[in-house]
Amino acid sequence: MAIFNALTRLLVILILWLMLPILVENVVYRHINNGLVEKKKKFIDHLNQNEINDFIENSDDSTETYSQFSTLHSEFLVLSKIPLKPNQKKTTFSNDYRVIEGEENEYRILQYHFTYENQGYQLEIGSSLGEVNDLTFIIRFFIIIVLVVILLVTFLADTVYIEYLLKPFYKIIDTKIRRVNEPEAFDHTPIKARSRDFRELDLVLNQMMDRITELFKKEKQFISNVSHELLTPIALLKNKFENLLQNESLDDNAFDKIAGALRTLDMLKKIINNLLLISRIENNQYEANEKINFKNIFKDLEEDLQDRIEDREIQFLNNINHDFVFTGNKTLIHILIYNLVTNAIKYNKPTGSIIVEDGFYNSQYFIAIKDSGIGMNATQIEKIFNRFARISSDQDGQGLGLAIAESIALFHHIEIKVTSEINEGTNFTLLFPEVQLHN
């Protein structure tokens, strides 16, 4: 808005600059013309034949022309005998250059044609435009300076005033939209604003977030309830299938089918448990008050996953060197790191490598988990944290591991950054908060 106002003022300045010569012509020239007419009137009123004869006789040339000029060449008067033409205008004004005593100047000239005792005469009275042109330049220069100063001052004033007017709007954006990752964290405190529009906007946002919060609660409660209700029939079905397997009359075909059904039930149970875990995390049902040592976590993980690492002939390098202690939920942090490491094993190449390292970047502690696996493109990276998203259909899994990792990271205010190249590998980096904040 301030830039738009500045541009409109600049346009006004340009128009004034272009119109100044017209204003000079209409105002200054009119003033000069009136002065020339007064001088002509005085000259004609006191003119007689004797004076005309004296003028002509005292002329320095033989053209029967009398010339008179001021010492500074600011004015001149020329009286000439000329034959009169029919329909000739008596008085005309024009701008022209004249040379007086070897000096050329521009003059505003009044030409007056008259007869005296049947003799035609032309009277020319000129007034120098040098001072007018200088004055016009000074006026134009002064106006442009003044208008530019006005433009800058008004632009700064507009900017400050608009910033002041929009301060409640920026506060609404900053405190009620940008910093809110979860509907439960929304701040319903009314924004102080003099503008009725911003107060109305704040009220509508509060009402909208109330509705969104209620819908989120209902959705989470629905997922939790459905998951709990599904676990019971799954457990019953599993028990029945396990009892059927004890029946010695089953042939091999029936045995394989029942075993396949049991594997499906186990997979379904894992999915439900994972959804329940995500729901509990998002509902803040976990405490975050335990001291966590990452050296111990990675040491335990390496022992637990040693068989899988050896089966894929993967080289696992544990370069955790800092004794950084984090306050959070130890079980959830273990799940977070476990999912990232198993993901690096699952999508790695045979005889590949996994490198775990830590450090500090801009006073933030980080843990990086790098693998030499199949990698991902930009489209895959955008979707990896979506529920049931899978990088490759060739791999087993439900596509919930990274969704759980993201939920745990958000719960602990940990930022996950992902970089990857196809056939080069993937790097997951966990950036821990400088000031530890927990739900």
Protein backbone atom coordinates (compact mmCIF):
# COMPACT_ATOMS: atom_id res chain seq x y z
CA MET A 1 0.00 0.00 0.00
CA ALA A 2 2.86 2.37 0.87
CA ILE A 3 4.56 1.59 -2.46
CA PHE A 4 1.30 2.19 -4.33
CA ASN A 5 0.87 5.55 -2.60
CA ALA A 6 4.47 6.45 -3.40
CA LEU A 7 3.98 5.57 -7.07
CA THR A 8 0.83 7.69 -7.30
CA ARG A 9 2.67 10.63 -5.74
CA LEU A 10 5.54 10.09 -8.15
CA LEU A 11 3.05 10.23 -11.02
CA VAL A 12 1.71 13.52 -9.66
CA ILE A 13 5.26 14.89 -9.47
CA LEU A 14 5.90 13.89 -13.08
CA ILE A 15 2.68 15.54 -14.23
CA LEU A 16 3.56 18.76 -12.37
CA TRP A 17 7.04 18.68 -13.87
CA LEU A 18 5.63 18.36 -17.38
CA MET A 19 2.95 21.00 -16.80
CA LEU A 20 5.33 23.61 -15.38
CA PRO A 21 6.26 25.13 -18.79
CA ILE A 22 2.55 25.53 -19.55
CA LEU A 23 2.02 27.21 -16.18
CA VAL A 24 4.96 29.51 -16.87
CA GLU A 25 3.56 30.40 -20.28
CA ASN A 26 0.09 31.09 -18.90
CA VAL A 27 1.18 33.00 -15.80
CA VAL A 28 4.61 34.49 -16.33
CA TYR A 29 4.12 35.34 -20.00
CA ARG A 30 0.80 36.96 -19.20
CA HIS A 31 2.54 39.13 -16.62
CA ILE A 32 5.27 40.06 -19.11
CA ASN A 33 2.69 40.76 -21.81
CA ASN A 34 0.84 43.14 -19.50
CA GLY A 35 4.08 44.97 -18.77
CA LEU A 36 4.89 45.26 -22.48
CA VAL A 37 1.40 46.61 -23.19
CA GLU A 38 1.84 49.26 -20.49
CA LYS A 39 5.17 50.32 -21.95
CA LYS A 40 3.67 50.45 -25.44
CA LYS A 41 0.80 52.59 -24.20
CA LYS A 42 3.14 55.06 -22.50
CA PHE A 43 5.28 55.25 -25.61
CA ILE A 44 2.35 55.80 -27.98
CA ASP A 45 0.61 58.28 -25.68
CA HIS A 46 3.66 60.59 -25.68
CA LEU A 47 4.54 60.10 -29.35
CA ASN A 48 4.34 62.95 -31.89
CA GLN A 49 5.82 63.70 -35.30
CA ASN A 50 8.70 65.68 -33.92
CA GLU A 51 9.72 62.81 -31.65
CA ILE A 52 9.42 60.36 -34.52
CA ASN A 53 11.59 62.57 -36.70
CA ASP A 54 14.11 62.93 -33.90
CA PHE A 55 14.15 59.12 -33.44
CA ILE A 56 14.71 58.49 -37.10
CA GLU A 57 17.33 61.25 -37.47
CA ASN A 58 19.26 59.99 -34.40
CA SER A 59 19.34 56.44 -35.66
CA ASP A 60 22.82 55.06 -36.27
CA ASP A 61 21.82 53.15 -39.42
CA SER A 62 20.16 54.05 -42.72
CA THR A 63 17.13 51.76 -42.39
CA GLU A 64 14.95 54.45 -40.87
CA THR A 65 14.85 52.36 -37.65
CA TYR A 66 15.24 53.62 -34.14
CA SER A 67 16.66 51.25 -31.51
CA GLN A 68 16.91 51.74 -27.79
CA PHE A 69 18.00 49.22 -25.17
CA SER A 70 18.93 49.05 -21.51
CA THR A 71 22.53 48.77 -20.39
CA LEU A 72 21.96 45.19 -19.20
CA HIS A 73 20.21 44.20 -22.43
CA SER A 74 17.13 43.19 -20.45
CA GLU A 75 14.84 45.37 -22.59
CA PHE A 76 14.85 46.97 -26.03
CA LEU A 77 12.62 49.20 -28.14
CA VAL A 78 12.65 49.33 -31.97
CA LEU A 79 10.64 51.79 -34.09
CA SER A 80 10.64 51.18 -37.85
CA LYS A 81 8.91 52.65 -40.88
CA ILE A 82 7.15 49.83 -42.77
CA PRO A 83 4.40 49.68 -45.35
CA LEU A 84 1.17 48.52 -43.76
CA LYS A 85 -0.53 45.43 -45.12
CA PRO A 86 -4.28 44.90 -45.22
CA ASN A 87 -5.79 42.72 -42.44
CA GLN A 88 -2.54 42.90 -40.51
CA LYS A 89 -2.93 42.37 -36.75
CA LYS A 90 -2.19 45.44 -34.73
CA THR A 91 -0.60 43.70 -31.73
CA THR A 92 1.16 40.35 -31.60
CA PHE A 93 3.38 38.61 -29.06
CA SER A 94 6.20 36.20 -29.83
CA ASN A 95 9.44 34.74 -28.49
CA ASP A 96 12.51 35.35 -30.58
CA TYR A 97 16.27 35.69 -30.37
CA ARG A 98 17.82 39.10 -30.99
CA VAL A 99 21.43 40.21 -31.20
CA ILE A 100 22.14 43.44 -29.36
CA GLU A 101 25.71 44.75 -29.38
CA GLY A 102 26.99 41.33 -30.36
CA GLU A 103 25.12 39.50 -27.59
CA GLU A 104 22.28 37.16 -28.49
CA ASN A 105 19.42 36.75 -26.03
CA GLU A 106 15.90 35.42 -26.11
CA TYR A 107 13.16 38.04 -25.70
CA ARG A 108 9.44 38.21 -25.30
CA ILE A 109 8.52 40.67 -28.05
CA LEU A 110 5.44 42.84 -28.52
CA GLN A 111 4.92 43.94 -32.13
CA TYR A 112 2.55 46.87 -32.62
CA HIS A 113 1.63 48.22 -36.06
CA PHE A 114 0.17 51.72 -36.34
CA THR A 115 -0.07 54.69 -38.70
CA TYR A 116 0.83 58.23 -37.94
CA GLU A 117 0.06 60.93 -40.48
CA ASN A 118 -0.45 58.32 -43.22
CA GLN A 119 2.89 56.66 -42.51
CA GLY A 120 3.08 53.06 -41.34
CA TYR A 121 5.21 52.18 -38.37
CA GLN A 122 6.13 49.01 -36.47
CA LEU A 123 6.91 49.24 -32.79
CA GLU A 124 8.76 46.36 -31.13
CA ILE A 125 9.25 46.24 -27.40
CA GLY A 126 11.18 43.29 -26.02
CA SER A 127 11.75 41.96 -22.52
CA SER A 128 14.52 39.47 -21.88
CA LEU A 129 13.50 35.90 -21.03
CA GLY A 130 16.88 35.04 -19.55
CA GLU A 131 15.77 35.79 -16.01
CA VAL A 132 12.46 34.07 -16.62
CA ASN A 133 14.21 30.93 -17.89
CA ASP A 134 16.58 31.00 -14.94
CA LEU A 135 13.67 31.49 -12.60
CA THR A 136 11.76 28.67 -14.30
CA PHE A 137 14.74 26.33 -13.85
CA ILE A 138 15.07 27.33 -10.20
CA ILE A 139 11.36 26.80 -9.64
CA ARG A 140 11.41 23.41 -11.35
CA PHE A 141 14.51 22.38 -9.40
CA PHE A 142 13.03 23.61 -6.13
CA ILE A 143 9.70 21.90 -6.81
CA ILE A 144 11.34 18.59 -7.68
CA ILE A 145 13.45 18.72 -4.50
CA VAL A 146 10.46 19.59 -2.34
CA LEU A 147 8.26 16.94 -3.93
CA VAL A 148 10.95 14.26 -3.65
CA VAL A 149 11.38 15.10 0.04
CA ILE A 150 7.60 14.99 0.47
CA LEU A 151 7.54 11.66 -1.38
CA LEU A 152 10.18 10.13 0.92
CA VAL A 153 8.64 11.52 4.09
CA THR A 154 5.13 10.39 3.17
CA PHE A 155 6.42 6.97 2.09
CA LEU A 156 8.13 6.48 5.45
CA ALA A 157 5.07 7.81 7.25
CA ASP A 158 2.78 5.49 5.28
CA THR A 159 5.06 2.52 5.96
CA VAL A 160 5.20 3.19 9.70
CA TYR A 161 1.48 3.87 9.92
CA ILE A 162 0.54 0.79 7.89
CA GLU A 163 2.87 -1.33 10.02
CA TYR A 164 1.13 0.07 13.07
CA LEU A 165 -2.31 -0.64 11.62
CA LEU A 166 -1.34 -4.19 10.61
CA LYS A 167 0.39 -5.01 13.90
CA PRO A 168 -2.67 -6.94 15.21
CA PHE A 169 -2.84 -8.85 11.91
CA TYR A 170 0.82 -9.92 12.15
CA LYS A 171 0.24 -10.89 15.77
CA ILE A 172 -2.70 -13.06 14.74
CA ILE A 173 -0.58 -14.72 12.04
CA ASP A 174 2.36 -15.26 14.38
CA THR A 175 0.63 -16.41 17.57
CA LYS A 176 -2.49 -18.11 16.25
CA ILE A 177 -1.45 -19.66 12.94
CA ARG A 178 2.30 -19.93 12.40
CA ARG A 179 3.21 -21.32 15.83
CA VAL A 180 0.30 -23.75 16.05
CA ASN A 181 1.11 -27.32 15.03
CA GLU A 182 -1.74 -28.93 16.92
CA PRO A 183 -5.29 -27.60 17.43
CA GLU A 184 -4.94 -28.17 21.19
CA ALA A 185 -2.04 -25.70 21.27
CA PHE A 186 -4.12 -22.89 19.79
CA ASP A 187 -4.12 -19.69 21.85
CA HIS A 188 -7.64 -18.37 22.35
CA THR A 189 -6.51 -15.16 24.06
CA PRO A 190 -8.22 -12.22 22.27
CA ILE A 191 -5.89 -9.98 20.29
CA LYS A 192 -5.97 -6.33 21.36
CA ALA A 193 -6.80 -4.28 18.27
CA ARG A 194 -8.47 -0.93 17.71
CA SER A 195 -9.72 -2.00 14.31
CA ARG A 196 -13.10 -3.75 14.37
CA ASP A 197 -12.05 -5.78 11.31
CA PHE A 198 -9.11 -7.39 13.11
CA ARG A 199 -11.20 -8.08 16.20
CA GLU A 200 -13.75 -9.78 13.96
CA LEU A 201 -10.99 -11.78 12.25
CA ASP A 202 -9.63 -12.88 15.62
CA LEU A 203 -13.09 -13.94 16.78
CA VAL A 204 -13.76 -15.94 13.60
CA LEU A 205 -10.36 -17.66 13.88
CA ASN A 206 -11.09 -18.64 17.48
CA GLN A 207 -14.47 -20.06 16.49
CA MET A 208 -12.99 -21.92 13.53
CA MET A 209 -10.21 -23.44 15.66
CA ASP A 210 -12.76 -24.50 18.27
CA ARG A 211 -14.63 -26.44 15.60
CA ILE A 212 -11.40 -27.93 14.23
CA THR A 213 -10.25 -28.92 17.72
CA GLU A 214 -13.56 -30.64 18.38
CA LEU A 215 -13.36 -32.52 15.09
CA PHE A 216 -9.77 -33.60 15.80
CA LYS A 217 -10.77 -34.88 19.21
CA LYS A 218 -13.66 -36.84 17.73
CA GLU A 219 -11.41 -38.31 15.03
CA LYS A 220 -8.73 -39.34 17.52
CA GLN A 221 -11.31 -40.77 19.87
CA PHE A 222 -12.90 -42.67 16.99
CA ILE A 223 -9.57 -44.16 15.94
CA SER A 224 -8.79 -45.11 19.51
CA ASN A 225 -12.20 -46.69 20.09
CA VAL A 226 -12.19 -48.59 16.81
CA SER A 227 -8.68 -49.86 17.42
CA HIS A 228 -9.58 -51.10 20.89
CA GLU A 229 -12.74 -52.76 19.60
CA LEU A 230 -10.87 -54.48 16.77
CA LEU A 231 -8.22 -55.97 19.04
CA THR A 232 -10.76 -58.18 20.83
CA PRO A 233 -12.14 -60.03 17.76
CA ILE A 234 -8.60 -60.32 16.37
CA ALA A 235 -7.48 -62.00 19.60
CA LEU A 236 -10.49 -64.35 19.46
CA LEU A 237 -9.84 -65.27 15.84
CA LYS A 238 -6.18 -65.88 16.57
CA ASN A 239 -7.01 -68.21 19.44
CA LYS A 240 -9.47 -70.16 17.26
CA PHE A 241 -6.94 -70.53 14.43
CA GLU A 242 -4.24 -71.60 16.86
CA ASN A 243 -6.62 -74.24 18.27
CA LEU A 244 -7.39 -75.44 14.76
CA LEU A 245 -3.69 -75.95 14.14
CA GLN A 246 -3.68 -78.45 17.00
CA ASN A 247 -6.14 -80.63 15.08
CA GLU A 248 -4.16 -83.61 13.72
CA SER A 249 -6.78 -84.27 11.04
CA LEU A 250 -5.77 -81.18 9.06
CA ASP A 251 -3.99 -81.82 5.79
CA ASP A 252 -1.02 -79.74 4.66
CA ASN A 253 -3.14 -77.46 2.44
CA ALA A 254 -5.50 -76.53 5.28
CA PHE A 255 -2.56 -76.09 7.66
CA ASP A 256 -0.89 -73.61 5.28
CA LYS A 257 -4.12 -71.63 4.86
CA ILE A 258 -4.65 -71.34 8.61
CA ALA A 259 -1.01 -70.35 9.13
CA GLY A 260 -1.42 -67.67 6.42
CA ALA A 261 -4.56 -66.39 8.16
CA LEU A 262 -2.61 -66.16 11.43
CA ARG A 263 0.12 -64.11 9.73
CA THR A 264 -2.56 -61.78 8.35
CA LEU A 265 -4.06 -61.38 11.82
CA ASP A 266 -0.62 -60.63 13.26
CA MET A 267 -0.07 -57.97 10.60
CA LEU A 268 -3.52 -56.48 11.30
CA LYS A 269 -2.75 -56.46 15.02
CA LYS A 270 0.51 -54.61 14.38
CA ILE A 271 -1.29 -52.01 12.28
CA ILE A 272 -3.90 -51.44 14.97
CA ASN A 273 -1.26 -51.21 17.70
CA ASN A 274 0.69 -48.70 15.61
CA LEU A 275 -2.45 -46.61 15.02
CA LEU A 276 -3.17 -46.75 18.73
CA LEU A 277 0.38 -45.62 19.45
CA ILE A 278 0.02 -42.64 17.09
CA SER A 279 -3.34 -41.78 18.63
CA ARG A 280 -1.93 -41.86 22.17
CA ILE A 281 1.03 -39.72 21.18
CA GLU A 282 -1.19 -37.14 19.51
CA ASN A 283 -3.50 -37.14 22.54
CA ASN A 284 -0.51 -36.41 24.81
CA GLN A 285 -1.01 -39.58 26.85
CA TYR A 286 2.73 -40.02 27.50
CA GLU A 287 4.99 -38.36 30.04
CA ALA A 288 8.21 -36.70 28.90
CA ASN A 289 10.30 -36.48 32.07
CA GLU A 290 12.95 -39.19 31.67
CA LYS A 291 16.68 -38.59 31.14
CA ILE A 292 17.77 -40.22 27.87
CA ASN A 293 21.34 -41.14 26.96
CA PHE A 294 21.69 -41.75 23.22
CA LYS A 295 24.92 -43.70 23.53
CA ASN A 296 23.09 -46.39 25.47
CA ILE A 297 20.13 -46.39 23.08
CA PHE A 298 22.29 -46.98 20.00
CA LYS A 299 24.39 -49.56 21.81
CA ASP A 300 21.26 -51.53 22.73
CA LEU A 301 19.84 -51.15 19.20
CA GLU A 302 23.02 -52.46 17.61
CA GLU A 303 22.82 -55.58 19.80
CA ASP A 304 19.09 -56.10 19.12
CA LEU A 305 19.45 -55.71 15.35
CA GLN A 306 22.76 -57.54 15.01
CA ASP A 307 21.17 -60.57 13.31
CA ARG A 308 19.38 -58.45 10.68
CA ILE A 309 22.54 -56.43 10.06
CA GLU A 310 24.63 -59.57 9.58
CA ASP A 311 22.02 -61.19 7.31
CA ARG A 312 22.26 -58.20 4.92
CA GLU A 313 26.08 -58.03 5.39
CA ILE A 314 25.72 -54.37 6.29
CA GLN A 315 28.50 -52.44 7.99
CA PHE A 316 27.09 -50.53 10.99
CA LEU A 317 29.26 -47.66 12.26
CA ASN A 318 28.24 -46.15 15.58
CA ASN A 319 29.97 -42.76 15.89
CA ILE A 320 27.93 -41.31 18.77
CA ASN A 321 30.59 -39.39 20.71
CA HIS A 322 28.76 -36.73 22.74
CA ASP A 323 27.28 -37.32 26.17
CA PHE A 324 24.14 -35.36 25.37
CA VAL A 325 21.31 -36.05 27.78
CA PHE A 326 17.79 -35.34 26.56
CA THR A 327 14.65 -35.14 28.68
CA GLY A 328 11.72 -36.98 27.15
CA ASN A 329 9.93 -40.31 26.98
CA LYS A 330 12.55 -43.04 26.74
CA THR A 331 10.23 -45.62 25.21
CA LEU A 332 9.05 -43.27 22.47
CA ILE A 333 12.58 -42.07 21.67
CA HIS A 334 13.68 -45.70 21.43
CA ILE A 335 10.83 -46.38 18.98
CA LEU A 336 11.75 -43.28 16.96
CA ILE A 337 15.39 -44.28 16.54
CA TYR A 338 14.49 -47.97 16.08
CA ASN A 339 12.16 -47.14 13.19
CA LEU A 340 14.79 -44.96 11.47
CA VAL A 341 17.53 -47.58 11.85
CA THR A 342 15.32 -50.50 10.70
CA ASN A 343 14.24 -48.33 7.76
CA ALA A 344 17.93 -47.84 6.87
CA ILE A 345 18.46 -51.62 7.05
CA LYS A 346 15.33 -52.46 5.05
CA TYR A 347 16.07 -50.13 2.13
CA ASN A 348 19.84 -50.59 2.13
CA LYS A 349 21.85 -52.46 -0.46
CA PRO A 350 23.50 -55.80 0.36
CA THR A 351 26.99 -55.23 1.79
CA GLY A 352 26.03 -51.57 2.25
CA SER A 353 26.69 -49.35 5.24
CA ILE A 354 24.88 -47.41 7.95
CA ILE A 355 26.66 -44.57 9.69
CA VAL A 356 25.28 -43.02 12.88
CA GLU A 357 26.91 -39.81 14.10
CA ASP A 358 26.10 -36.84 16.28
CA GLY A 359 27.28 -33.29 16.83
CA PHE A 360 26.20 -29.68 17.24
CA TYR A 361 24.98 -27.37 14.48
CA ASN A 362 24.27 -23.73 15.42
CA SER A 363 24.14 -24.76 19.11
CA GLN A 364 21.60 -27.49 18.27
CA TYR A 365 22.42 -31.12 19.00
CA PHE A 366 21.79 -33.46 16.07
CA ILE A 367 21.88 -37.16 15.29
CA ALA A 368 22.35 -38.25 11.68
CA ILE A 369 21.54 -41.74 10.37
CA LYS A 370 23.03 -42.27 6.91
CA ASP A 371 22.61 -45.33 4.71
CA SER A 372 23.93 -46.36 1.31
CA GLY A 373 20.57 -47.67 0.13
CA ILE A 374 18.30 -47.20 -2.87
CA GLY A 375 17.55 -43.55 -2.07
CA MET A 376 14.46 -41.52 -2.89
CA ASN A 377 13.42 -38.79 -5.29
CA ALA A 378 11.85 -35.48 -4.28
CA THR A 379 8.29 -36.78 -4.73
CA GLN A 380 8.93 -39.77 -2.47
CA ILE A 381 10.54 -37.58 0.21
CA GLU A 382 7.39 -35.44 0.36
CA LYS A 383 5.24 -38.51 1.09
CA ILE A 384 7.43 -40.68 3.36
CA PHE A 385 5.82 -39.43 6.58
CA ASN A 386 2.28 -40.09 5.33
CA ARG A 387 0.50 -43.02 6.93
CA PHE A 388 0.63 -46.25 4.92
CA ALA A 389 3.13 -44.67 2.50
CA ARG A 390 5.82 -47.09 1.29
CA ILE A 391 8.96 -46.29 -0.65
CA SER A 392 9.02 -49.62 -2.43
CA SER A 393 6.25 -52.18 -2.86
CA ASP A 394 8.88 -54.93 -2.81
CA GLN A 395 9.49 -54.45 0.91
CA ASP A 396 7.36 -55.78 3.75
CA GLY A 397 5.69 -53.41 6.19
CA GLN A 398 2.59 -51.37 6.74
CA GLY A 399 3.99 -47.93 5.94
CA LEU A 400 3.49 -46.64 9.49
CA GLY A 401 7.06 -46.63 10.79
CA LEU A 402 7.99 -43.13 9.62
CA ALA A 403 4.52 -41.79 10.48
CA ILE A 404 5.12 -42.98 14.05
CA ALA A 405 8.61 -41.43 13.98
CA GLU A 406 7.19 -38.09 12.92
CA SER A 407 4.52 -38.16 15.66
CA ILE A 408 7.16 -38.92 18.31
CA ALA A 409 9.42 -36.16 16.94
CA LEU A 410 6.58 -33.62 17.06
CA PHE A 411 5.74 -34.70 20.60
CA HIS A 412 9.34 -33.96 21.67
CA HIS A 413 9.69 -30.84 19.43
CA ILE A 414 12.39 -32.58 17.41
CA GLU A 415 12.85 -31.58 13.76
CA ILE A 416 13.45 -34.32 11.19
CA LYS A 417 15.33 -33.38 8.04
CA VAL A 418 15.64 -35.79 5.11
CA THR A 419 18.09 -35.68 2.21
CA SER A 420 18.39 -38.43 -0.35
CA GLU A 421 19.67 -39.31 -3.82
CA ILE A 422 18.59 -42.21 -5.98
CA ASN A 423 21.02 -45.16 -5.67
CA GLU A 424 23.22 -43.07 -3.37
CA GLY A 425 21.45 -43.37 -0.04
CA THR A 426 19.38 -41.43 2.46
CA ASN A 427 20.26 -39.24 5.44
CA PHE A 428 17.79 -38.73 8.32
CA THR A 429 18.87 -35.92 10.69
CA LEU A 430 17.24 -35.32 14.07
CA LEU A 431 17.60 -31.71 15.28
CA PHE A 432 16.91 -31.42 19.00
CA PRO A 433 15.55 -28.17 20.48
CA GLU A 434 17.96 -25.81 22.22
CA VAL A 435 15.47 -25.27 25.01
CA GLN A 436 13.68 -28.52 25.59
CA LEU A 437 9.91 -28.13 25.39
CA HIS A 438 7.49 -30.97 25.92
CA ASN A 439 3.75 -31.36 25.83
